[in-house]
Amino acid sequence: MANAAAKKTAVAAPSAERRPALAGRTISATSVKVEVMPPAERISLRAPEASVAALSKALGVTLPRKPKTSASKAGRTALWLGPDEWLVIDEAGNDPLADCAKVSALHSAVGISHRNIAISVTGVGAAATINAGCPQDLSLEAFPVGAASRTILGKTEIVLLRNASDTFRVECWRSFSDYVFTFLSEGSRDAAV
């Protein structure tokens, strides 16, 4: 009888499944599409000038040294955020944090893959959609393809990368992702042409 009672009270071990923030959310308007991008590996990298060459070699992409620039190679992108600061994004399934761990030159690399989320804004109304809440001049002359910067969207800090003339990657903290996605969705309706 005790054995039968034990079987009835046995409870399955709890399990947790991590779901991506905003999974599957997409908004399409007349001239723009806003959608959540697939997960990627990211690091926040800080390093002095003397360490840049060694880190660039280890990461397989040359760390940009000029403001508002980025560099990409083999699914990995490095965005200049400051004189000694970069955001490195790997969409090829590799680990940039592990690559930096092999470098003995002075640097600080912190994994932020689960902190950030990326939202793609594409179409002829992409710049107008972002400019609904971002004061930065997003004309091609001022913010050409490959340009990157830390800026704001509404009340939130974002990192913005222009991938093509009509395509932007918006990086934001996961905790602000619903706000950013909703803001961009509203902006896409306003930008419809």
C-alpha atoms as a PDB file:
ATOM      1  CA  MET A   1       0.000   0.000   0.000  1.00  0.00           C
ATOM      2  CA  ALA A   2       2.860   2.407   0.786  1.00  0.00           C
ATOM      3  CA  ASN A   3       4.315   1.707  -2.632  1.00  0.00           C
ATOM      4  CA  ALA A   4       1.037   2.684  -4.344  1.00  0.00           C
ATOM      5  CA  ALA A   5       0.856   5.915  -2.310  1.00  0.00           C
ATOM      6  CA  ALA A   6       4.425   6.783  -3.284  1.00  0.00           C
ATOM      7  CA  LYS A   7       3.566   6.400  -6.973  1.00  0.00           C
ATOM      8  CA  LYS A   8       0.571   8.722  -6.623  1.00  0.00           C
ATOM      9  CA  THR A   9       2.577  11.458  -4.876  1.00  0.00           C
ATOM     10  CA  ALA A  10       5.526  11.344  -7.259  1.00  0.00           C
ATOM     11  CA  VAL A  11       5.745  14.676  -9.035  1.00  0.00           C
ATOM     12  CA  ALA A  12       7.674  15.352 -12.195  1.00  0.00           C
ATOM     13  CA  ALA A  13      10.835  17.361 -11.670  1.00  0.00           C
ATOM     14  CA  PRO A  14      10.268  21.044 -12.465  1.00  0.00           C
ATOM     15  CA  SER A  15      11.722  22.267 -15.706  1.00  0.00           C
ATOM     16  CA  ALA A  16      12.262  25.681 -17.157  1.00  0.00           C
ATOM     17  CA  GLU A  17      12.369  26.608 -20.783  1.00  0.00           C
ATOM     18  CA  ARG A  18      13.949  29.896 -21.842  1.00  0.00           C
ATOM     19  CA  ARG A  19      11.789  31.601 -24.415  1.00  0.00           C
ATOM     20  CA  PRO A  20      13.240  34.375 -26.540  1.00  0.00           C
ATOM     21  CA  ALA A  21      11.817  37.798 -25.772  1.00  0.00           C
ATOM     22  CA  LEU A  22       9.199  38.896 -28.300  1.00  0.00           C
ATOM     23  CA  ALA A  23       9.477  35.527 -30.065  1.00  0.00           C
ATOM     24  CA  GLY A  24       7.889  35.634 -33.483  1.00  0.00           C
ATOM     25  CA  ARG A  25       6.653  39.225 -33.320  1.00  0.00           C
ATOM     26  CA  THR A  26       6.498  40.945 -36.681  1.00  0.00           C
ATOM     27  CA  ILE A  27       4.715  44.057 -37.917  1.00  0.00           C
ATOM     28  CA  SER A  28       4.366  44.867 -41.601  1.00  0.00           C
ATOM     29  CA  ALA A  29       3.155  48.263 -42.750  1.00  0.00           C
ATOM     30  CA  THR A  30       2.953  49.739 -46.246  1.00  0.00           C
ATOM     31  CA  SER A  31       6.631  50.709 -46.478  1.00  0.00           C
ATOM     32  CA  VAL A  32       8.348  49.012 -43.535  1.00  0.00           C
ATOM     33  CA  LYS A  33       8.648  45.709 -41.697  1.00  0.00           C
ATOM     34  CA  VAL A  34       9.612  45.454 -38.016  1.00  0.00           C
ATOM     35  CA  GLU A  35      10.611  42.008 -36.760  1.00  0.00           C
ATOM     36  CA  VAL A  36      12.558  40.367 -33.981  1.00  0.00           C
ATOM     37  CA  MET A  37      15.851  38.902 -35.152  1.00  0.00           C
ATOM     38  CA  PRO A  38      17.117  35.423 -34.183  1.00  0.00           C
ATOM     39  CA  PRO A  39      19.271  35.124 -31.041  1.00  0.00           C
ATOM     40  CA  ALA A  40      22.969  35.968 -31.441  1.00  0.00           C
ATOM     41  CA  GLU A  41      26.110  35.874 -29.310  1.00  0.00           C
ATOM     42  CA  ARG A  42      27.236  39.298 -28.079  1.00  0.00           C
ATOM     43  CA  ILE A  43      30.023  40.765 -26.021  1.00  0.00           C
ATOM     44  CA  SER A  44      30.731  44.189 -24.653  1.00  0.00           C
ATOM     45  CA  LEU A  45      34.437  44.756 -25.280  1.00  0.00           C
ATOM     46  CA  ARG A  46      36.698  47.398 -23.763  1.00  0.00           C
ATOM     47  CA  ALA A  47      40.395  47.622 -24.596  1.00  0.00           C
ATOM     48  CA  PRO A  48      43.223  50.140 -24.956  1.00  0.00           C
ATOM     49  CA  GLU A  49      44.686  50.934 -28.373  1.00  0.00           C
ATOM     50  CA  ALA A  50      47.677  48.634 -27.709  1.00  0.00           C
ATOM     51  CA  SER A  51      45.357  45.590 -27.490  1.00  0.00           C
ATOM     52  CA  VAL A  52      43.227  46.232 -30.581  1.00  0.00           C
ATOM     53  CA  ALA A  53      45.403  44.308 -33.069  1.00  0.00           C
ATOM     54  CA  ALA A  54      45.535  41.147 -30.930  1.00  0.00           C
ATOM     55  CA  LEU A  55      41.792  41.256 -30.260  1.00  0.00           C
ATOM     56  CA  SER A  56      40.998  41.883 -33.933  1.00  0.00           C
ATOM     57  CA  LYS A  57      43.069  38.856 -34.897  1.00  0.00           C
ATOM     58  CA  ALA A  58      41.396  36.634 -32.284  1.00  0.00           C
ATOM     59  CA  LEU A  59      37.899  37.790 -33.248  1.00  0.00           C
ATOM     60  CA  GLY A  60      38.522  37.475 -36.988  1.00  0.00           C
ATOM     61  CA  VAL A  61      37.188  40.979 -37.629  1.00  0.00           C
ATOM     62  CA  THR A  62      39.084  44.270 -37.505  1.00  0.00           C
ATOM     63  CA  LEU A  63      37.790  46.364 -34.614  1.00  0.00           C
ATOM     64  CA  PRO A  64      36.788  49.739 -36.078  1.00  0.00           C
ATOM     65  CA  ARG A  65      38.639  52.760 -34.695  1.00  0.00           C
ATOM     66  CA  LYS A  66      36.544  55.614 -36.084  1.00  0.00           C
ATOM     67  CA  PRO A  67      33.291  56.944 -34.590  1.00  0.00           C
ATOM     68  CA  LYS A  68      30.020  55.680 -36.083  1.00  0.00           C
ATOM     69  CA  THR A  69      31.653  52.756 -37.908  1.00  0.00           C
ATOM     70  CA  SER A  70      31.372  48.990 -37.939  1.00  0.00           C
ATOM     71  CA  ALA A  71      33.173  46.065 -39.517  1.00  0.00           C
ATOM     72  CA  SER A  72      31.802  42.652 -40.489  1.00  0.00           C
ATOM     73  CA  LYS A  73      33.281  39.340 -41.513  1.00  0.00           C
ATOM     74  CA  ALA A  74      31.919  35.781 -41.580  1.00  0.00           C
ATOM     75  CA  GLY A  75      28.774  36.512 -39.582  1.00  0.00           C
ATOM     76  CA  ARG A  76      30.538  38.585 -36.941  1.00  0.00           C
ATOM     77  CA  THR A  77      30.111  42.363 -36.623  1.00  0.00           C
ATOM     78  CA  ALA A  78      32.044  44.812 -34.443  1.00  0.00           C
ATOM     79  CA  LEU A  79      30.436  48.184 -33.758  1.00  0.00           C
ATOM     80  CA  TRP A  80      32.460  51.170 -32.518  1.00  0.00           C
ATOM     81  CA  LEU A  81      30.759  52.640 -29.431  1.00  0.00           C
ATOM     82  CA  GLY A  82      33.601  54.729 -28.023  1.00  0.00           C
ATOM     83  CA  PRO A  83      37.384  55.229 -28.209  1.00  0.00           C
ATOM     84  CA  ASP A  84      37.965  51.981 -26.301  1.00  0.00           C
ATOM     85  CA  GLU A  85      34.554  50.280 -26.535  1.00  0.00           C
ATOM     86  CA  TRP A  86      32.876  47.916 -29.018  1.00  0.00           C
ATOM     87  CA  LEU A  87      29.781  45.771 -29.260  1.00  0.00           C
ATOM     88  CA  VAL A  88      30.648  42.490 -30.975  1.00  0.00           C
ATOM     89  CA  ILE A  89      27.744  40.480 -32.403  1.00  0.00           C
ATOM     90  CA  ASP A  90      28.156  36.945 -33.764  1.00  0.00           C
ATOM     91  CA  GLU A  91      25.275  35.555 -35.830  1.00  0.00           C
ATOM     92  CA  ALA A  92      27.201  32.491 -37.040  1.00  0.00           C
ATOM     93  CA  GLY A  93      26.918  30.507 -33.812  1.00  0.00           C
ATOM     94  CA  ASN A  94      30.482  31.153 -32.649  1.00  0.00           C
ATOM     95  CA  ASP A  95      31.514  32.448 -29.227  1.00  0.00           C
ATOM     96  CA  PRO A  96      33.371  35.793 -29.316  1.00  0.00           C
ATOM     97  CA  LEU A  97      33.859  35.635 -25.538  1.00  0.00           C
ATOM     98  CA  ALA A  98      35.844  32.410 -25.889  1.00  0.00           C
ATOM     99  CA  ASP A  99      37.897  33.976 -28.691  1.00  0.00           C
ATOM    100  CA  CYS A 100      38.777  36.945 -26.458  1.00  0.00           C
ATOM    101  CA  ALA A 101      39.702  34.627 -23.580  1.00  0.00           C
ATOM    102  CA  LYS A 102      42.675  33.426 -25.646  1.00  0.00           C
ATOM    103  CA  VAL A 103      44.123  36.961 -25.815  1.00  0.00           C
ATOM    104  CA  SER A 104      46.685  37.934 -23.163  1.00  0.00           C
ATOM    105  CA  ALA A 105      46.619  41.638 -24.110  1.00  0.00           C
ATOM    106  CA  LEU A 106      44.781  43.912 -21.667  1.00  0.00           C
ATOM    107  CA  HIS A 107      41.011  43.956 -22.278  1.00  0.00           C
ATOM    108  CA  SER A 108      37.608  43.411 -20.696  1.00  0.00           C
ATOM    109  CA  ALA A 109      35.073  41.216 -22.482  1.00  0.00           C
ATOM    110  CA  VAL A 110      31.663  40.577 -20.961  1.00  0.00           C
ATOM    111  CA  GLY A 111      29.035  38.272 -22.433  1.00  0.00           C
ATOM    112  CA  ILE A 112      25.744  40.128 -22.945  1.00  0.00           C
ATOM    113  CA  SER A 113      23.926  37.678 -25.216  1.00  0.00           C
ATOM    114  CA  HIS A 114      20.954  37.271 -22.881  1.00  0.00           C
ATOM    115  CA  ARG A 115      20.805  40.960 -21.991  1.00  0.00           C
ATOM    116  CA  ASN A 116      20.239  42.230 -25.524  1.00  0.00           C
ATOM    117  CA  ILE A 117      17.702  41.590 -28.240  1.00  0.00           C
ATOM    118  CA  ALA A 118      17.817  42.725 -31.863  1.00  0.00           C
ATOM    119  CA  ILE A 119      14.975  44.120 -33.927  1.00  0.00           C
ATOM    120  CA  SER A 120      15.218  44.518 -37.698  1.00  0.00           C
ATOM    121  CA  VAL A 121      13.589  47.514 -39.376  1.00  0.00           C
ATOM    122  CA  THR A 122      13.476  47.190 -43.173  1.00  0.00           C
ATOM    123  CA  GLY A 123      11.867  48.939 -46.116  1.00  0.00           C
ATOM    124  CA  VAL A 124      11.769  52.388 -47.676  1.00  0.00           C
ATOM    125  CA  GLY A 125      10.135  53.755 -44.502  1.00  0.00           C
ATOM    126  CA  ALA A 126      12.749  52.260 -42.134  1.00  0.00           C
ATOM    127  CA  ALA A 127      14.581  55.522 -41.376  1.00  0.00           C
ATOM    128  CA  ALA A 128      11.306  57.405 -40.863  1.00  0.00           C
ATOM    129  CA  THR A 129      10.106  54.635 -38.528  1.00  0.00           C
ATOM    130  CA  ILE A 130      13.201  54.951 -36.345  1.00  0.00           C
ATOM    131  CA  ASN A 131      13.169  58.744 -36.542  1.00  0.00           C
ATOM    132  CA  ALA A 132       9.709  58.692 -34.944  1.00  0.00           C
ATOM    133  CA  GLY A 133      11.645  58.476 -31.671  1.00  0.00           C
ATOM    134  CA  CYS A 134      15.330  58.872 -32.519  1.00  0.00           C
ATOM    135  CA  PRO A 135      16.715  62.391 -33.070  1.00  0.00           C
ATOM    136  CA  GLN A 136      19.748  61.205 -35.041  1.00  0.00           C
ATOM    137  CA  ASP A 137      19.985  62.192 -38.717  1.00  0.00           C
ATOM    138  CA  LEU A 138      19.500  58.876 -40.548  1.00  0.00           C
ATOM    139  CA  SER A 139      19.949  60.195 -44.076  1.00  0.00           C
ATOM    140  CA  LEU A 140      22.402  58.128 -46.122  1.00  0.00           C
ATOM    141  CA  GLU A 141      24.784  61.090 -46.211  1.00  0.00           C
ATOM    142  CA  ALA A 142      24.930  61.416 -42.413  1.00  0.00           C
ATOM    143  CA  PHE A 143      24.428  57.739 -41.496  1.00  0.00           C
ATOM    144  CA  PRO A 144      25.715  55.603 -44.402  1.00  0.00           C
ATOM    145  CA  VAL A 145      25.591  51.826 -44.741  1.00  0.00           C
ATOM    146  CA  GLY A 146      27.815  50.375 -41.998  1.00  0.00           C
ATOM    147  CA  ALA A 147      27.264  53.307 -39.646  1.00  0.00           C
ATOM    148  CA  ALA A 148      26.648  52.418 -36.004  1.00  0.00           C
ATOM    149  CA  SER A 149      25.964  54.449 -32.882  1.00  0.00           C
ATOM    150  CA  ARG A 150      24.603  54.356 -29.396  1.00  0.00           C
ATOM    151  CA  THR A 151      21.570  56.626 -29.327  1.00  0.00           C
ATOM    152  CA  ILE A 152      18.028  56.807 -27.973  1.00  0.00           C
ATOM    153  CA  LEU A 153      14.607  55.721 -29.157  1.00  0.00           C
ATOM    154  CA  GLY A 154      11.879  57.385 -27.149  1.00  0.00           C
ATOM    155  CA  LYS A 155      13.015  56.927 -23.550  1.00  0.00           C
ATOM    156  CA  THR A 156      15.330  53.989 -24.197  1.00  0.00           C
ATOM    157  CA  GLU A 157      19.003  53.650 -25.076  1.00  0.00           C
ATOM    158  CA  ILE A 158      19.606  51.622 -28.223  1.00  0.00           C
ATOM    159  CA  VAL A 159      22.525  50.710 -30.449  1.00  0.00           C
ATOM    160  CA  LEU A 160      21.722  51.325 -34.088  1.00  0.00           C
ATOM    161  CA  LEU A 161      23.444  49.747 -37.109  1.00  0.00           C
ATOM    162  CA  ARG A 162      22.611  50.486 -40.732  1.00  0.00           C
ATOM    163  CA  ASN A 163      23.020  47.210 -42.664  1.00  0.00           C
ATOM    164  CA  ALA A 164      21.759  48.516 -46.028  1.00  0.00           C
ATOM    165  CA  SER A 165      20.216  51.684 -47.396  1.00  0.00           C
ATOM    166  CA  ASP A 166      16.790  50.535 -46.169  1.00  0.00           C
ATOM    167  CA  THR A 167      17.750  48.124 -43.361  1.00  0.00           C
ATOM    168  CA  PHE A 168      18.605  48.826 -39.714  1.00  0.00           C
ATOM    169  CA  ARG A 169      19.436  46.624 -36.743  1.00  0.00           C
ATOM    170  CA  VAL A 170      18.181  48.009 -33.431  1.00  0.00           C
ATOM    171  CA  GLU A 171      19.873  46.494 -30.353  1.00  0.00           C
ATOM    172  CA  CYS A 172      18.242  47.076 -26.987  1.00  0.00           C
ATOM    173  CA  TRP A 173      18.163  45.563 -23.535  1.00  0.00           C
ATOM    174  CA  ARG A 174      15.701  42.682 -23.186  1.00  0.00           C
ATOM    175  CA  SER A 175      13.914  44.479 -20.341  1.00  0.00           C
ATOM    176  CA  PHE A 176      13.069  47.363 -22.713  1.00  0.00           C
ATOM    177  CA  SER A 177      12.347  45.213 -25.772  1.00  0.00           C
ATOM    178  CA  ASP A 178       8.545  45.339 -25.552  1.00  0.00           C
ATOM    179  CA  TYR A 179       8.663  49.147 -25.320  1.00  0.00           C
ATOM    180  CA  VAL A 180      11.101  49.418 -28.251  1.00  0.00           C
ATOM    181  CA  PHE A 181       9.145  46.970 -30.430  1.00  0.00           C
ATOM    182  CA  THR A 182       5.858  48.752 -29.700  1.00  0.00           C
ATOM    183  CA  PHE A 183       7.443  52.170 -30.366  1.00  0.00           C
ATOM    184  CA  LEU A 184       8.828  50.960 -33.704  1.00  0.00           C
ATOM    185  CA  SER A 185       5.487  49.374 -34.591  1.00  0.00           C
ATOM    186  CA  GLU A 186       3.711  52.678 -34.018  1.00  0.00           C
ATOM    187  CA  GLY A 187       6.437  54.501 -35.950  1.00  0.00           C
ATOM    188  CA  SER A 188       5.989  52.082 -38.870  1.00  0.00           C
ATOM    189  CA  ARG A 189       2.322  53.014 -39.142  1.00  0.00           C
ATOM    190  CA  ASP A 190       3.226  56.712 -39.157  1.00  0.00           C
ATOM    191  CA  ALA A 191       5.946  56.153 -41.778  1.00  0.00           C
ATOM    192  CA  ALA A 192       3.640  54.314 -44.168  1.00  0.00           C
ATOM    193  CA  VAL A 193       3.830  55.961 -47.583  1.00  0.00           C
END
